[in-house]
Amino acid sequence: MTSSTLTRTRARIPSALLVALGLAAGFGVAQGTGIRALGGALFVGAGLGAAWLWARHRGWAVALGLGALYVGAFVLAHVLALGVGMASWLAVGLVTLAAAGITYAVADRA
């Protein structure tokens, strides 16, 4: 590769990775530290990063839809854990896999 090719090459972070980090790592940080706001900050930060990628690459309609999915997954994890009685990590793992998979299919796949 020439240097001009290297400067034009960009590494793109998959937004599905940000979704998975926001949901799973956000929960892990909140659980591990006992500071829910810290996990929430990670959740919000990853969500904003993913939303920026969605809006930039797929448009605002997709960004709003996937944003609703992201927040909905967060809510569903709470419903499954607190309302249904599922183990917390299992609930977070299930919604993370679903949300990241849908995000990959809609926004990240070439």
Protein backbone atom coordinates (compact mmCIF):
# COMPACT_ATOMS: atom_id res chain seq x y z
CA MET A 1 0.00 0.00 0.00
CA THR A 2 1.12 3.49 -0.67
CA SER A 3 0.94 6.18 1.95
CA SER A 4 -1.97 7.84 0.15
CA THR A 5 -3.93 4.58 0.34
CA LEU A 6 -3.17 4.29 4.03
CA THR A 7 -4.48 7.77 4.75
CA ARG A 8 -7.75 7.01 2.94
CA THR A 9 -8.29 3.67 4.70
CA ARG A 10 -10.51 4.00 7.74
CA ALA A 11 -11.24 1.43 10.37
CA ARG A 12 -14.98 1.42 11.02
CA ILE A 13 -16.20 0.30 14.39
CA PRO A 14 -19.32 -1.85 13.96
CA SER A 15 -22.26 -0.23 15.69
CA ALA A 16 -23.37 -3.68 16.87
CA LEU A 17 -20.21 -3.78 18.99
CA LEU A 18 -21.18 -0.48 20.61
CA VAL A 19 -24.68 -1.85 21.28
CA ALA A 20 -23.21 -4.95 22.93
CA LEU A 21 -20.79 -2.86 24.98
CA GLY A 22 -23.49 -0.46 26.09
CA LEU A 23 -25.84 -3.19 27.24
CA ALA A 24 -23.52 -5.88 28.61
CA ALA A 25 -20.58 -3.80 29.80
CA GLY A 26 -22.90 -1.13 31.16
CA PHE A 27 -24.64 -3.76 33.25
CA GLY A 28 -21.33 -5.31 34.28
CA VAL A 29 -19.89 -1.99 35.42
CA ALA A 30 -23.04 -1.11 37.35
CA GLN A 31 -23.13 -4.57 38.95
CA GLY A 32 -19.40 -4.75 39.67
CA THR A 33 -18.93 -1.28 41.11
CA GLY A 34 -22.31 -0.89 42.74
CA ILE A 35 -22.57 2.53 41.07
CA ARG A 36 -25.56 2.34 38.74
CA ALA A 37 -24.88 5.80 37.32
CA LEU A 38 -21.48 4.64 36.08
CA GLY A 39 -23.06 1.77 34.18
CA GLY A 40 -25.71 4.16 32.91
CA ALA A 41 -23.05 6.54 31.65
CA LEU A 42 -21.44 3.70 29.71
CA PHE A 43 -24.86 2.72 28.33
CA VAL A 44 -25.58 6.29 27.20
CA GLY A 45 -22.11 6.88 25.78
CA ALA A 46 -22.13 3.69 23.72
CA GLY A 47 -25.68 4.43 22.57
CA LEU A 48 -24.75 7.92 21.42
CA GLY A 49 -21.73 6.58 19.56
CA ALA A 50 -23.85 3.95 17.83
CA ALA A 51 -26.54 6.52 17.01
CA TRP A 52 -23.94 8.78 15.41
CA LEU A 53 -22.81 5.88 13.21
CA TRP A 54 -26.39 4.95 12.31
CA ALA A 55 -27.33 8.50 11.35
CA ARG A 56 -24.14 8.99 9.36
CA HIS A 57 -24.24 5.72 7.43
CA ARG A 58 -27.92 4.74 7.26
CA GLY A 59 -29.93 7.90 7.91
CA TRP A 60 -32.11 9.25 10.67
CA ALA A 61 -34.99 6.83 10.20
CA VAL A 62 -32.74 3.84 10.83
CA ALA A 63 -31.01 5.69 13.69
CA LEU A 64 -34.33 6.34 15.44
CA GLY A 65 -35.52 2.77 14.93
CA LEU A 66 -32.31 1.22 16.21
CA GLY A 67 -32.22 3.70 19.08
CA ALA A 68 -35.68 2.54 20.10
CA LEU A 69 -34.48 -1.07 19.86
CA TYR A 70 -31.47 -0.25 22.07
CA VAL A 71 -33.56 1.40 24.78
CA GLY A 72 -36.22 -1.30 24.43
CA ALA A 73 -33.60 -3.99 25.01
CA PHE A 74 -32.51 -2.20 28.18
CA VAL A 75 -36.11 -2.11 29.42
CA LEU A 76 -36.76 -5.73 28.40
CA ALA A 77 -33.71 -6.91 30.36
CA HIS A 78 -35.19 -5.29 33.46
CA VAL A 79 -38.61 -6.81 32.81
CA LEU A 80 -37.11 -10.28 32.33
CA ALA A 81 -34.93 -10.03 35.43
CA LEU A 82 -37.24 -8.24 37.84
CA GLY A 83 -40.68 -9.10 36.49
CA VAL A 84 -40.22 -12.67 35.27
CA GLY A 85 -37.48 -13.66 37.70
CA MET A 86 -34.85 -14.61 35.15
CA ALA A 87 -31.22 -14.44 36.25
CA SER A 88 -29.89 -10.92 35.60
CA TRP A 89 -26.91 -11.94 33.48
CA LEU A 90 -29.07 -14.29 31.42
CA ALA A 91 -31.60 -11.54 30.74
CA VAL A 92 -28.86 -9.06 29.78
CA GLY A 93 -27.14 -11.66 27.62
CA LEU A 94 -30.31 -12.52 25.72
CA VAL A 95 -31.30 -8.94 24.97
CA THR A 96 -27.71 -8.05 24.09
CA LEU A 97 -27.47 -10.88 21.56
CA ALA A 98 -30.81 -9.96 20.03
CA ALA A 99 -30.16 -6.21 19.86
CA ALA A 100 -26.60 -6.59 18.55
CA GLY A 101 -27.71 -9.16 15.98
CA ILE A 102 -30.52 -6.99 14.66
CA THR A 103 -28.21 -3.96 14.63
CA TYR A 104 -25.63 -5.88 12.63
CA ALA A 105 -28.23 -7.03 10.12
CA VAL A 106 -29.74 -3.57 9.66
CA ALA A 107 -26.79 -1.21 9.99
CA ASP A 108 -23.43 -2.99 9.76
CA ARG A 109 -23.74 -5.65 7.10
CA ALA A 110 -22.26 -4.53 3.80
